[in-house]
C-alpha atoms as a PDB file:
ATOM      1  CA  MET A   1      22.504 -19.904 -18.881  1.00  0.00           C
ATOM      2  CA  THR A   2      23.779 -16.512 -17.786  1.00  0.00           C
ATOM      3  CA  LYS A   3      22.420 -15.966 -14.272  1.00  0.00           C
ATOM      4  CA  ILE A   4      21.662 -12.439 -13.094  1.00  0.00           C
ATOM      5  CA  LEU A   5      20.940 -12.197  -9.376  1.00  0.00           C
ATOM      6  CA  ILE A   6      18.465  -9.459  -8.455  1.00  0.00           C
ATOM      7  CA  LEU A   7      18.984  -8.985  -4.746  1.00  0.00           C
ATOM      8  CA  TYR A   8      16.794  -6.485  -2.921  1.00  0.00           C
ATOM      9  CA  PHE A   9      15.035  -5.473   0.257  1.00  0.00           C
ATOM     10  CA  SER A  10      11.524  -4.037   0.042  1.00  0.00           C
ATOM     11  CA  ARG A  11       9.408  -2.946   2.981  1.00  0.00           C
ATOM     12  CA  HIS A  12       6.262  -1.762   1.177  1.00  0.00           C
ATOM     13  CA  GLY A  13       6.566  -3.467  -2.212  1.00  0.00           C
ATOM     14  CA  THR A  14       7.867  -0.747  -4.532  1.00  0.00           C
ATOM     15  CA  THR A  15      11.472  -1.937  -4.623  1.00  0.00           C
ATOM     16  CA  ALA A  16      10.187  -5.488  -5.187  1.00  0.00           C
ATOM     17  CA  GLU A  17       8.144  -4.257  -8.152  1.00  0.00           C
ATOM     18  CA  MET A  18      11.241  -2.589  -9.591  1.00  0.00           C
ATOM     19  CA  ALA A  19      13.136  -5.871  -9.119  1.00  0.00           C
ATOM     20  CA  ASN A  20      10.441  -7.690 -11.099  1.00  0.00           C
ATOM     21  CA  HIS A  21      10.802  -5.241 -14.004  1.00  0.00           C
ATOM     22  CA  ILE A  22      14.585  -5.655 -13.942  1.00  0.00           C
ATOM     23  CA  ALA A  23      14.000  -9.423 -14.099  1.00  0.00           C
ATOM     24  CA  ARG A  24      11.818  -8.941 -17.180  1.00  0.00           C
ATOM     25  CA  GLY A  25      14.648  -6.994 -18.805  1.00  0.00           C
ATOM     26  CA  VAL A  26      17.093  -9.798 -18.029  1.00  0.00           C
ATOM     27  CA  GLU A  27      14.811 -12.383 -19.557  1.00  0.00           C
ATOM     28  CA  LEU A  28      14.481 -10.403 -22.795  1.00  0.00           C
ATOM     29  CA  VAL A  29      18.017 -11.626 -23.506  1.00  0.00           C
ATOM     30  CA  ASP A  30      18.250 -15.137 -24.977  1.00  0.00           C
ATOM     31  CA  GLY A  31      20.190 -17.428 -22.681  1.00  0.00           C
ATOM     32  CA  ALA A  32      19.810 -15.193 -19.613  1.00  0.00           C
ATOM     33  CA  GLU A  33      17.982 -16.089 -16.419  1.00  0.00           C
ATOM     34  CA  ALA A  34      16.844 -13.733 -13.655  1.00  0.00           C
ATOM     35  CA  ILE A  35      17.145 -14.988 -10.085  1.00  0.00           C
ATOM     36  CA  LEU A  36      15.096 -12.902  -7.625  1.00  0.00           C
ATOM     37  CA  ARG A  37      16.182 -12.932  -3.981  1.00  0.00           C
ATOM     38  CA  THR A  38      15.397 -10.805  -0.943  1.00  0.00           C
ATOM     39  CA  VAL A  39      16.743 -10.536   2.592  1.00  0.00           C
ATOM     40  CA  PRO A  40      14.933 -10.804   5.931  1.00  0.00           C
ATOM     41  CA  ASP A  41      14.300  -7.781   8.121  1.00  0.00           C
ATOM     42  CA  VAL A  42      16.550  -7.192  11.124  1.00  0.00           C
ATOM     43  CA  SER A  43      15.493  -6.566  14.713  1.00  0.00           C
ATOM     44  CA  SER A  44      16.480  -3.472  16.668  1.00  0.00           C
ATOM     45  CA  VAL A  45      16.494  -5.498  19.886  1.00  0.00           C
ATOM     46  CA  CYS A  46      18.330  -8.696  19.073  1.00  0.00           C
ATOM     47  CA  GLU A  47      19.063 -10.917  16.135  1.00  0.00           C
ATOM     48  CA  LYS A  48      15.905 -12.769  15.291  1.00  0.00           C
ATOM     49  CA  VAL A  49      15.617 -15.972  13.375  1.00  0.00           C
ATOM     50  CA  ALA A  50      13.598 -15.581  10.215  1.00  0.00           C
ATOM     51  CA  ALA A  51      11.665 -18.394   8.616  1.00  0.00           C
ATOM     52  CA  SER A  52      13.771 -20.028   5.914  1.00  0.00           C
ATOM     53  CA  ILE A  53      11.152 -19.068   3.320  1.00  0.00           C
ATOM     54  CA  PRO A  54       9.307 -15.731   3.426  1.00  0.00           C
ATOM     55  CA  ASP A  55       5.499 -15.657   3.499  1.00  0.00           C
ATOM     56  CA  HIS A  56       5.426 -13.953   0.098  1.00  0.00           C
ATOM     57  CA  GLY A  57       7.791 -12.690  -2.580  1.00  0.00           C
ATOM     58  CA  ALA A  58      11.218 -13.964  -3.524  1.00  0.00           C
ATOM     59  CA  PRO A  59      13.159 -16.508  -1.439  1.00  0.00           C
ATOM     60  CA  TYR A  60      15.852 -15.270   0.919  1.00  0.00           C
ATOM     61  CA  ALA A  61      19.316 -14.881  -0.573  1.00  0.00           C
ATOM     62  CA  THR A  62      22.215 -17.098   0.382  1.00  0.00           C
ATOM     63  CA  LEU A  63      25.923 -16.539  -0.100  1.00  0.00           C
ATOM     64  CA  GLU A  64      25.786 -19.356  -2.655  1.00  0.00           C
ATOM     65  CA  ASP A  65      23.419 -17.226  -4.776  1.00  0.00           C
ATOM     66  CA  LEU A  66      26.148 -14.581  -4.959  1.00  0.00           C
ATOM     67  CA  LYS A  67      28.894 -17.100  -5.752  1.00  0.00           C
ATOM     68  CA  ILE A  68      27.103 -18.583  -8.750  1.00  0.00           C
ATOM     69  CA  CYS A  69      25.691 -15.423 -10.325  1.00  0.00           C
ATOM     70  CA  ASP A  70      27.169 -13.929 -13.494  1.00  0.00           C
ATOM     71  CA  GLY A  71      25.884 -10.441 -12.681  1.00  0.00           C
ATOM     72  CA  LEU A  72      24.068  -8.596  -9.901  1.00  0.00           C
ATOM     73  CA  ALA A  73      21.360  -5.952  -9.517  1.00  0.00           C
ATOM     74  CA  LEU A  74      21.214  -4.628  -5.954  1.00  0.00           C
ATOM     75  CA  GLY A  75      18.107  -2.739  -4.797  1.00  0.00           C
ATOM     76  CA  SER A  76      16.936  -1.016  -1.650  1.00  0.00           C
ATOM     77  CA  PRO A  77      14.554   1.643  -0.442  1.00  0.00           C
ATOM     78  CA  THR A  78      16.329   4.848   0.529  1.00  0.00           C
ATOM     79  CA  HIS A  79      16.820   5.271   4.275  1.00  0.00           C
ATOM     80  CA  PHE A  80      18.378   8.647   5.071  1.00  0.00           C
ATOM     81  CA  GLY A  81      20.378   8.638   1.846  1.00  0.00           C
ATOM     82  CA  ASN A  82      21.626   5.088   2.288  1.00  0.00           C
ATOM     83  CA  MET A  83      20.550   1.491   1.721  1.00  0.00           C
ATOM     84  CA  ALA A  84      18.210  -0.125   4.250  1.00  0.00           C
ATOM     85  CA  ALA A  85      19.793  -1.911   7.218  1.00  0.00           C
ATOM     86  CA  PRO A  86      18.613  -5.445   6.238  1.00  0.00           C
ATOM     87  CA  LEU A  87      20.395  -5.249   2.889  1.00  0.00           C
ATOM     88  CA  LYS A  88      23.533  -3.750   4.474  1.00  0.00           C
ATOM     89  CA  TYR A  89      23.444  -6.510   7.093  1.00  0.00           C
ATOM     90  CA  PHE A  90      23.467  -9.145   4.344  1.00  0.00           C
ATOM     91  CA  ILE A  91      26.207  -7.368   2.377  1.00  0.00           C
ATOM     92  CA  ASP A  92      28.296  -7.190   5.551  1.00  0.00           C
ATOM     93  CA  SER A  93      28.186 -11.008   5.720  1.00  0.00           C
ATOM     94  CA  THR A  94      29.946 -11.430   2.353  1.00  0.00           C
ATOM     95  CA  THR A  95      33.561 -11.277   3.568  1.00  0.00           C
ATOM     96  CA  ALA A  96      34.248 -14.894   2.568  1.00  0.00           C
ATOM     97  CA  ILE A  97      33.077 -14.136  -0.970  1.00  0.00           C
ATOM     98  CA  TRP A  98      35.322 -11.053  -1.002  1.00  0.00           C
ATOM     99  CA  PHE A  99      38.309 -13.185   0.040  1.00  0.00           C
ATOM    100  CA  SER A 100      37.555 -15.710  -2.708  1.00  0.00           C
ATOM    101  CA  GLY A 101      37.109 -13.050  -5.415  1.00  0.00           C
ATOM    102  CA  ALA A 102      33.942 -14.795  -6.623  1.00  0.00           C
ATOM    103  CA  LEU A 103      32.300 -11.521  -7.728  1.00  0.00           C
ATOM    104  CA  SER A 104      35.393  -9.878  -9.206  1.00  0.00           C
ATOM    105  CA  GLY A 105      35.003  -8.909 -12.857  1.00  0.00           C
ATOM    106  CA  LYS A 106      31.231  -9.449 -12.922  1.00  0.00           C
ATOM    107  CA  PRO A 107      28.802  -6.640 -13.852  1.00  0.00           C
ATOM    108  CA  ALA A 108      26.560  -5.014 -11.260  1.00  0.00           C
ATOM    109  CA  GLY A 109      23.922  -2.288 -11.141  1.00  0.00           C
ATOM    110  CA  VAL A 110      21.841  -0.654  -8.411  1.00  0.00           C
ATOM    111  CA  PHE A 111      18.271   0.620  -8.000  1.00  0.00           C
ATOM    112  CA  THR A 112      16.221   2.384  -5.317  1.00  0.00           C
ATOM    113  CA  SER A 113      12.902   3.882  -4.327  1.00  0.00           C
ATOM    114  CA  THR A 114      12.151   6.517  -1.725  1.00  0.00           C
ATOM    115  CA  GLY A 115       9.114   8.091  -0.109  1.00  0.00           C
ATOM    116  CA  SER A 116      10.020  11.705  -0.909  1.00  0.00           C
ATOM    117  CA  MET A 117      11.323  13.691  -3.853  1.00  0.00           C
ATOM    118  CA  HIS A 118      14.568  14.740  -2.168  1.00  0.00           C
ATOM    119  CA  GLY A 119      15.028  11.681   0.010  1.00  0.00           C
ATOM    120  CA  GLY A 120      18.577  10.876  -1.105  1.00  0.00           C
ATOM    121  CA  GLN A 121      18.070   8.537  -4.059  1.00  0.00           C
ATOM    122  CA  GLU A 122      21.363   9.302  -5.769  1.00  0.00           C
ATOM    123  CA  SER A 123      23.418   9.041  -2.575  1.00  0.00           C
ATOM    124  CA  THR A 124      21.733   5.694  -1.906  1.00  0.00           C
ATOM    125  CA  LEU A 125      22.628   4.445  -5.373  1.00  0.00           C
ATOM    126  CA  LEU A 126      26.215   5.635  -4.997  1.00  0.00           C
ATOM    127  CA  SER A 127      26.579   4.141  -1.516  1.00  0.00           C
ATOM    128  CA  MET A 128      25.278   0.766  -2.756  1.00  0.00           C
ATOM    129  CA  MET A 129      28.037   0.780  -5.383  1.00  0.00           C
ATOM    130  CA  LEU A 130      30.808   0.987  -2.778  1.00  0.00           C
ATOM    131  CA  PRO A 131      30.720  -2.603  -1.456  1.00  0.00           C
ATOM    132  CA  LEU A 132      30.299  -3.859  -5.021  1.00  0.00           C
ATOM    133  CA  MET A 133      33.462  -2.017  -6.020  1.00  0.00           C
ATOM    134  CA  HIS A 134      35.277  -3.587  -3.071  1.00  0.00           C
ATOM    135  CA  HIS A 135      34.186  -6.951  -4.458  1.00  0.00           C
ATOM    136  CA  GLY A 136      35.779  -5.990  -7.786  1.00  0.00           C
ATOM    137  CA  MET A 137      32.495  -5.802  -9.676  1.00  0.00           C
ATOM    138  CA  LEU A 138      32.099  -3.727 -12.845  1.00  0.00           C
ATOM    139  CA  ILE A 139      29.492  -1.033 -12.146  1.00  0.00           C
ATOM    140  CA  LEU A 140      26.915  -0.374 -14.869  1.00  0.00           C
ATOM    141  CA  GLY A 141      24.581   2.589 -14.848  1.00  0.00           C
ATOM    142  CA  LEU A 142      22.049   3.856 -17.346  1.00  0.00           C
ATOM    143  CA  PRO A 143      23.642   5.875 -20.155  1.00  0.00           C
ATOM    144  CA  TYR A 144      21.834   8.798 -21.744  1.00  0.00           C
ATOM    145  CA  THR A 145      21.662   6.756 -24.950  1.00  0.00           C
ATOM    146  CA  GLU A 146      18.734   5.231 -23.031  1.00  0.00           C
ATOM    147  CA  THR A 147      16.359   7.948 -24.286  1.00  0.00           C
ATOM    148  CA  THR A 148      13.793   7.276 -21.545  1.00  0.00           C
ATOM    149  CA  LEU A 149      16.302   8.728 -19.075  1.00  0.00           C
ATOM    150  CA  ARG A 150      15.852  12.110 -20.769  1.00  0.00           C
ATOM    151  CA  GLU A 151      12.057  11.790 -20.874  1.00  0.00           C
ATOM    152  CA  THR A 152      11.218  10.722 -17.324  1.00  0.00           C
ATOM    153  CA  THR A 153       9.794  13.320 -14.947  1.00  0.00           C
ATOM    154  CA  SER A 154       9.460  11.041 -11.945  1.00  0.00           C
ATOM    155  CA  GLY A 155      12.454   8.754 -11.424  1.00  0.00           C
ATOM    156  CA  GLY A 156      15.562   7.374 -13.041  1.00  0.00           C
ATOM    157  CA  THR A 157      19.205   8.462 -12.941  1.00  0.00           C
ATOM    158  CA  PRO A 158      22.411   7.598 -14.783  1.00  0.00           C
ATOM    159  CA  TYR A 159      23.430   5.787 -11.568  1.00  0.00           C
ATOM    160  CA  GLY A 160      20.476   3.381 -11.843  1.00  0.00           C
ATOM    161  CA  PRO A 161      16.680   3.185 -11.863  1.00  0.00           C
ATOM    162  CA  SER A 162      14.828   5.062  -9.133  1.00  0.00           C
ATOM    163  CA  HIS A 163      11.279   5.852  -8.081  1.00  0.00           C
ATOM    164  CA  VAL A 164       9.547   8.313  -5.765  1.00  0.00           C
ATOM    165  CA  SER A 165       6.679   6.513  -4.035  1.00  0.00           C
ATOM    166  CA  LEU A 166       5.247   9.677  -2.420  1.00  0.00           C
ATOM    167  CA  ASN A 167       1.504   9.260  -1.765  1.00  0.00           C
ATOM    168  CA  ASN A 168       1.678   5.635  -2.966  1.00  0.00           C
ATOM    169  CA  ALA A 169       2.610   6.670  -6.507  1.00  0.00           C
ATOM    170  CA  VAL A 170       2.886   3.726  -8.881  1.00  0.00           C
ATOM    171  CA  LEU A 171       5.870   3.161 -11.152  1.00  0.00           C
ATOM    172  CA  SER A 172       5.593   5.254 -14.302  1.00  0.00           C
ATOM    173  CA  ASP A 173       5.967   3.677 -17.728  1.00  0.00           C
ATOM    174  CA  GLN A 174       9.377   5.379 -18.035  1.00  0.00           C
ATOM    175  CA  GLU A 175      10.532   3.973 -14.679  1.00  0.00           C
ATOM    176  CA  LYS A 176       9.453   0.470 -15.698  1.00  0.00           C
ATOM    177  CA  LYS A 177      11.313   0.839 -18.980  1.00  0.00           C
ATOM    178  CA  LEU A 178      14.482   2.000 -17.198  1.00  0.00           C
ATOM    179  CA  CYS A 179      14.302  -1.001 -14.875  1.00  0.00           C
ATOM    180  CA  ARG A 180      14.008  -3.337 -17.852  1.00  0.00           C
ATOM    181  CA  ALA A 181      16.887  -1.496 -19.566  1.00  0.00           C
ATOM    182  CA  LEU A 182      19.164  -2.120 -16.585  1.00  0.00           C
ATOM    183  CA  GLY A 183      18.240  -5.811 -16.557  1.00  0.00           C
ATOM    184  CA  THR A 184      18.940  -6.172 -20.270  1.00  0.00           C
ATOM    185  CA  ARG A 185      22.220  -4.278 -19.988  1.00  0.00           C
ATOM    186  CA  LEU A 186      23.398  -6.469 -17.109  1.00  0.00           C
ATOM    187  CA  ALA A 187      22.486  -9.670 -18.946  1.00  0.00           C
ATOM    188  CA  LYS A 188      24.157  -8.673 -22.219  1.00  0.00           C
ATOM    189  CA  THR A 189      27.300  -7.488 -20.441  1.00  0.00           C
ATOM    190  CA  ALA A 190      27.484 -10.650 -18.344  1.00  0.00           C
ATOM    191  CA  GLN A 191      27.150 -12.770 -21.472  1.00  0.00           C
ATOM    192  CA  CYS A 192      29.961 -10.889 -23.214  1.00  0.00           C
ATOM    193  CA  ILE A 193      32.242 -11.311 -20.192  1.00  0.00           C
ATOM    194  CA  LYS A 194      31.343 -14.976 -19.836  1.00  0.00           C
ATOM    195  CA  GLN A 195      32.059 -15.625 -23.516  1.00  0.00           C
ATOM    196  CA  GLY A 196      35.325 -13.690 -23.304  1.00  0.00           C
ATOM    197  CA  SER A 197      34.387 -11.156 -25.971  1.00  0.00           C
END
């Protein structure tokens, strides 16, 4: 099986919902498996010990999850034009994987949601790409051949799926489709790389 890790942090559930749609896109590809993982919150006072299994949602990610994946989708809410601290904290712990080159040559994509229209979605997506590039990953976006990208009026960019959750807005049909498109694209690309074609 081609394993696509969908690693995200979600405070209010929107980014988690996007991750689930990306997983559906992955699993539209025969021989591909979506692995959903999240990260625990961080404390502003001191490092706290999180339960090994969250109360709800996906299990917490481990470095082993990164080592064994064939591709990665990285998702976060937008916090001042950047990824949320819990996800950055986890990414900052991946130095050993960087030294080993375990992610080098594997495809990756990014996704985000934010509470306001001009909250910095695209800068968040771009900033999430930076550590992935340092790991040697091959960054995939959403090309304009994905016609939904030209039709959406709410979220979605060539850098990756996005959503504006202003006033608790739900994901639009176009946003869901773009999430699935990223998942499918990651899975197909990972399979091609794995098969050496």
